[in-house]
Amino acid sequence: MQWRRRRRPLQRGLRGGPRFRQLLHPHPEASSASELGAWLQTTSTCPQQGTRLPAARVKSGEAEGRPSTESAAGGTPDEESLRRELEAAIQEEDYARAAALRDELRVVQQDGRSAVLAANTRLYTAFKNGDLVAMHQVWAKGDHVYVVHPSAGRISGYEMVMQSWEMVCDAGYEFPLQIDLQDVEVHVRGDVGYVTCLELVRTKGSSSWGKQVATNVFEKVEGKWFMCIHHASHFDE
């Protein structure tokens, strides 16, 4: 009885046009410091410069792969430390050290993008299989997390978010679903990363795909990436 009382607030937000209905059924139709700095900006930037990091693009279907999930264990410099060292090397006109730091920073950034992409893959694998145990492991714990399912409002807090996914996975559809991710882009800055993509979802026996534009935000906690925001909206071509 207590479980049902807790789920009622979600029913109003999900049962009438939620992900498990509208998502699965498509909506109807170097000679100076300044020159060196400019050169280094092509691959990395210092925090105060505010330049956006390059996005990693992923081809359709690659999001179901198994990229490397974690960077090397303790002792590996983090991204912000490398940025500070890089800035100091540029100011000191230590060009050889700056170039080495630039290359090391590039590797760290790529490792971060691979790890965030792997976390994103865990989300969609759990969703595809209707695996609630795996879904619980994907999300960060806390009141700051939230989810917006298609045609539903914002649902905040870990417990409520998990209840919403339980309702999605308890919608009577046969799992596994077919899920294809297109136009995947991965962005990472420090301990925060996000993925944008187009979700294509189809149930068994259906000839049509549900299409959603999704933004998935992840945070790094004790060396591992967890989801803190998932926002999906219907996409009409």
Protein backbone atom coordinates (compact mmCIF):
# COMPACT_ATOMS: atom_id res chain seq x y z
CA MET A 1 0.00 0.00 0.00
CA GLN A 2 2.81 2.37 0.79
CA TRP A 3 4.41 1.71 -2.62
CA ARG A 4 1.23 2.61 -4.44
CA ARG A 5 0.88 5.86 -2.52
CA ARG A 6 4.38 6.87 -3.55
CA ARG A 7 3.75 6.12 -7.22
CA ARG A 8 0.53 8.10 -7.63
CA PRO A 9 2.17 11.49 -8.22
CA LEU A 10 4.12 9.98 -11.11
CA GLN A 11 1.09 8.41 -12.71
CA ARG A 12 -0.39 11.81 -13.52
CA GLY A 13 2.85 12.85 -15.22
CA LEU A 14 3.52 9.63 -17.14
CA ARG A 15 0.37 7.60 -17.77
CA GLY A 16 -1.35 9.97 -20.16
CA GLY A 17 1.39 10.59 -22.72
CA PRO A 18 4.66 9.34 -21.33
CA ARG A 19 7.74 7.73 -22.67
CA PHE A 20 6.31 4.20 -22.53
CA ARG A 21 3.47 5.23 -24.86
CA GLN A 22 4.64 8.09 -27.05
CA LEU A 23 8.31 7.16 -27.06
CA LEU A 24 7.68 3.59 -28.14
CA HIS A 25 4.89 4.59 -30.49
CA PRO A 26 6.13 7.36 -32.79
CA HIS A 27 4.48 10.72 -32.77
CA PRO A 28 2.20 11.02 -35.83
CA GLU A 29 4.05 12.22 -38.70
CA ALA A 30 55.41 28.92 -32.28
CA SER A 31 57.95 31.79 -32.14
CA SER A 32 56.44 33.69 -29.27
CA ALA A 33 54.20 33.00 -26.31
CA SER A 34 51.21 34.59 -28.03
CA GLU A 35 51.71 32.53 -31.19
CA LEU A 36 52.20 29.38 -29.17
CA GLY A 37 49.03 30.10 -27.23
CA ALA A 38 47.06 30.49 -30.46
CA TRP A 39 48.53 27.25 -31.76
CA LEU A 40 47.63 25.35 -28.61
CA GLN A 41 44.05 26.63 -28.76
CA THR A 42 43.42 24.37 -31.73
CA THR A 43 43.37 21.38 -29.41
CA SER A 44 42.95 22.69 -25.85
CA THR A 45 42.18 25.85 -23.92
CA CYS A 46 42.65 27.31 -20.48
CA PRO A 47 39.52 27.65 -18.30
CA GLN A 48 39.48 31.44 -18.24
CA GLN A 49 39.57 31.67 -22.02
CA GLY A 50 36.10 30.17 -22.19
CA THR A 51 36.69 28.43 -25.51
CA ARG A 52 34.57 25.33 -25.98
CA LEU A 53 36.32 21.99 -26.14
CA PRO A 54 35.96 20.07 -29.40
CA ALA A 55 33.11 17.57 -29.42
CA ALA A 56 33.64 13.91 -30.10
CA ARG A 57 31.23 12.70 -32.77
CA VAL A 58 30.09 9.10 -32.91
CA LYS A 59 28.59 7.30 -35.89
CA SER A 60 25.19 5.63 -35.60
CA GLY A 61 25.48 2.27 -33.85
CA GLU A 62 28.86 2.98 -32.24
CA ALA A 63 27.14 3.95 -29.00
CA GLU A 64 26.37 0.26 -28.51
CA GLY A 65 30.10 -0.57 -28.48
CA ARG A 66 32.41 -1.02 -25.55
CA PRO A 67 34.76 1.94 -25.29
CA SER A 68 37.33 2.14 -22.57
CA THR A 69 35.47 3.09 -19.41
CA GLU A 70 38.05 4.34 -16.94
CA SER A 71 41.29 6.28 -17.10
CA ALA A 72 44.45 5.01 -15.49
CA ALA A 73 44.47 4.52 -11.74
CA GLY A 74 45.86 6.91 -9.17
CA GLY A 75 48.72 9.18 -10.04
CA THR A 76 47.37 10.29 -13.41
CA PRO A 77 47.07 14.09 -13.60
CA ASP A 78 43.50 15.32 -13.99
CA GLU A 79 42.37 17.70 -16.72
CA GLU A 80 42.27 20.86 -14.61
CA SER A 81 45.77 20.26 -13.22
CA LEU A 82 47.12 19.79 -16.73
CA ARG A 83 45.39 22.99 -17.86
CA ARG A 84 47.00 24.98 -15.07
CA GLU A 85 50.43 23.52 -15.86
CA LEU A 86 49.93 24.24 -19.55
CA GLU A 87 49.03 27.85 -18.86
CA ALA A 88 52.08 28.25 -16.63
CA ALA A 89 54.35 26.73 -19.29
CA ILE A 90 53.00 29.15 -21.91
CA GLN A 91 53.51 32.15 -19.62
CA GLU A 92 57.06 30.98 -18.89
CA GLU A 93 57.66 30.44 -22.64
CA ASP A 94 58.70 26.86 -21.94
CA TYR A 95 57.56 25.68 -25.35
CA ALA A 96 58.84 22.11 -25.17
CA ARG A 97 57.04 21.50 -21.87
CA ALA A 98 53.90 23.21 -23.17
CA ALA A 99 53.82 20.94 -26.20
CA ALA A 100 54.22 17.84 -24.03
CA LEU A 101 51.47 19.01 -21.68
CA ARG A 102 49.22 19.74 -24.65
CA ASP A 103 49.64 16.18 -25.87
CA GLU A 104 49.01 14.74 -22.41
CA LEU A 105 45.91 16.89 -22.01
CA ARG A 106 44.61 15.68 -25.36
CA VAL A 107 44.91 12.06 -24.17
CA VAL A 108 43.13 12.81 -20.89
CA GLN A 109 40.30 14.54 -22.74
CA GLN A 110 39.86 11.62 -25.09
CA ASP A 111 39.81 9.18 -22.18
CA GLY A 112 37.13 11.30 -20.51
CA ARG A 113 34.95 11.30 -23.61
CA SER A 114 35.30 7.53 -23.94
CA ALA A 115 34.29 7.05 -20.30
CA VAL A 116 31.25 9.32 -20.65
CA LEU A 117 30.23 7.52 -23.83
CA ALA A 118 30.52 4.21 -21.96
CA ALA A 119 28.24 5.55 -19.21
CA ASN A 120 25.77 6.65 -21.87
CA THR A 121 25.88 3.13 -23.35
CA ARG A 122 25.06 1.68 -19.92
CA LEU A 123 21.96 3.86 -19.77
CA TYR A 124 20.59 2.72 -23.11
CA THR A 125 21.51 -0.92 -22.49
CA ALA A 126 19.50 -0.84 -19.26
CA PHE A 127 16.60 0.88 -21.04
CA LYS A 128 16.71 -1.51 -24.01
CA ASN A 129 16.59 -4.58 -21.75
CA GLY A 130 14.16 -3.16 -19.19
CA ASP A 131 16.86 -3.87 -16.59
CA LEU A 132 15.95 -1.90 -13.48
CA VAL A 133 18.93 -3.16 -11.48
CA ALA A 134 21.30 -1.81 -14.12
CA MET A 135 19.27 1.41 -14.36
CA HIS A 136 19.70 2.00 -10.62
CA GLN A 137 23.46 1.61 -11.05
CA VAL A 138 23.60 4.13 -13.89
CA TRP A 139 22.27 7.08 -11.87
CA ALA A 140 23.97 9.26 -9.28
CA LYS A 141 22.39 9.23 -5.84
CA GLY A 142 20.94 12.49 -4.55
CA ASP A 143 18.17 15.07 -4.74
CA HIS A 144 19.92 16.95 -7.54
CA VAL A 145 19.26 14.33 -10.22
CA TYR A 146 16.22 14.61 -12.48
CA VAL A 147 14.60 13.18 -15.58
CA VAL A 148 12.22 14.60 -18.18
CA HIS A 149 10.49 11.87 -20.17
CA PRO A 150 8.79 12.84 -23.46
CA SER A 151 5.51 14.71 -22.87
CA ALA A 152 6.03 14.61 -19.10
CA GLY A 153 7.22 17.17 -16.57
CA ARG A 154 10.40 17.23 -14.57
CA ILE A 155 10.81 14.44 -12.00
CA SER A 156 13.42 15.22 -9.35
CA GLY A 157 15.33 13.19 -6.79
CA TYR A 158 16.86 9.75 -7.07
CA GLU A 159 13.92 7.83 -5.60
CA MET A 160 11.32 9.52 -7.79
CA VAL A 161 13.49 9.18 -10.89
CA MET A 162 13.85 5.46 -10.26
CA GLN A 163 10.09 5.12 -9.78
CA SER A 164 9.56 6.78 -13.14
CA TRP A 165 11.86 4.27 -14.84
CA GLU A 166 10.07 1.43 -13.08
CA MET A 167 6.82 2.65 -14.62
CA VAL A 168 8.48 2.94 -18.05
CA CYS A 169 9.80 -0.61 -17.83
CA ASP A 170 6.48 -1.90 -16.45
CA ALA A 171 4.44 -0.68 -19.42
CA GLY A 172 3.66 -4.12 -20.87
CA TYR A 173 6.08 -4.04 -23.80
CA GLU A 174 8.27 -6.99 -24.66
CA PHE A 175 11.96 -6.44 -24.01
CA PRO A 176 14.52 -6.07 -25.42
CA LEU A 177 13.57 -2.99 -27.38
CA GLN A 178 15.35 -1.89 -30.52
CA ILE A 179 17.31 1.29 -29.86
CA ASP A 180 19.55 3.11 -32.30
CA LEU A 181 21.39 6.33 -31.41
CA GLN A 182 22.23 8.81 -34.14
CA ASP A 183 24.07 12.16 -34.26
CA VAL A 184 25.85 11.35 -31.00
CA GLU A 185 28.12 14.09 -29.62
CA VAL A 186 30.14 13.83 -26.43
CA HIS A 187 31.43 16.83 -24.45
CA VAL A 188 33.53 16.73 -21.27
CA ARG A 189 34.82 19.48 -19.01
CA GLY A 190 36.42 18.40 -15.76
CA ASP A 191 34.06 16.23 -13.73
CA VAL A 192 31.00 17.01 -15.85
CA GLY A 193 30.17 15.56 -19.25
CA TYR A 194 27.14 15.38 -21.48
CA VAL A 195 25.92 13.50 -24.52
CA THR A 196 23.43 14.75 -27.09
CA CYS A 197 21.82 12.33 -29.52
CA LEU A 198 18.76 11.33 -31.49
CA GLU A 199 17.05 8.30 -29.96
CA LEU A 200 15.29 5.87 -32.31
CA VAL A 201 13.20 3.33 -30.36
CA ARG A 202 11.03 0.51 -31.69
CA THR A 203 9.11 -2.29 -30.02
CA LYS A 204 9.01 -5.86 -31.27
CA GLY A 205 6.57 -6.27 -34.12
CA SER A 206 6.35 -2.54 -34.86
CA SER A 207 7.38 -1.11 -38.21
CA SER A 208 7.69 2.46 -36.93
CA TRP A 209 10.33 4.16 -34.82
CA GLY A 210 9.80 6.62 -31.98
CA LYS A 211 12.18 9.57 -32.31
CA GLN A 212 13.44 11.72 -29.45
CA VAL A 213 16.18 14.29 -29.09
CA ALA A 214 18.00 13.54 -25.84
CA THR A 215 20.50 15.30 -23.61
CA ASN A 216 22.22 13.15 -21.00
CA VAL A 217 24.37 14.80 -18.33
CA PHE A 218 26.91 12.85 -16.29
CA GLU A 219 29.01 13.68 -13.24
CA LYS A 220 32.22 12.01 -12.12
CA VAL A 221 32.04 10.62 -8.59
CA GLU A 222 35.08 8.89 -7.10
CA GLY A 223 36.48 8.18 -10.56
CA LYS A 224 33.28 6.80 -12.10
CA TRP A 225 30.69 8.54 -14.30
CA PHE A 226 27.04 8.58 -13.23
CA MET A 227 24.00 10.10 -14.88
CA CYS A 228 22.45 13.10 -13.16
CA ILE A 229 20.10 14.46 -15.88
CA HIS A 230 18.20 12.81 -18.72
CA HIS A 231 15.96 14.99 -20.89
CA ALA A 232 14.19 13.57 -23.94
CA SER A 233 11.77 15.41 -26.25
CA HIS A 234 9.85 14.20 -29.28
CA PHE A 235 11.37 14.97 -32.66
CA ASP A 236 9.13 15.54 -35.66
CA GLU A 237 10.76 15.60 -39.06
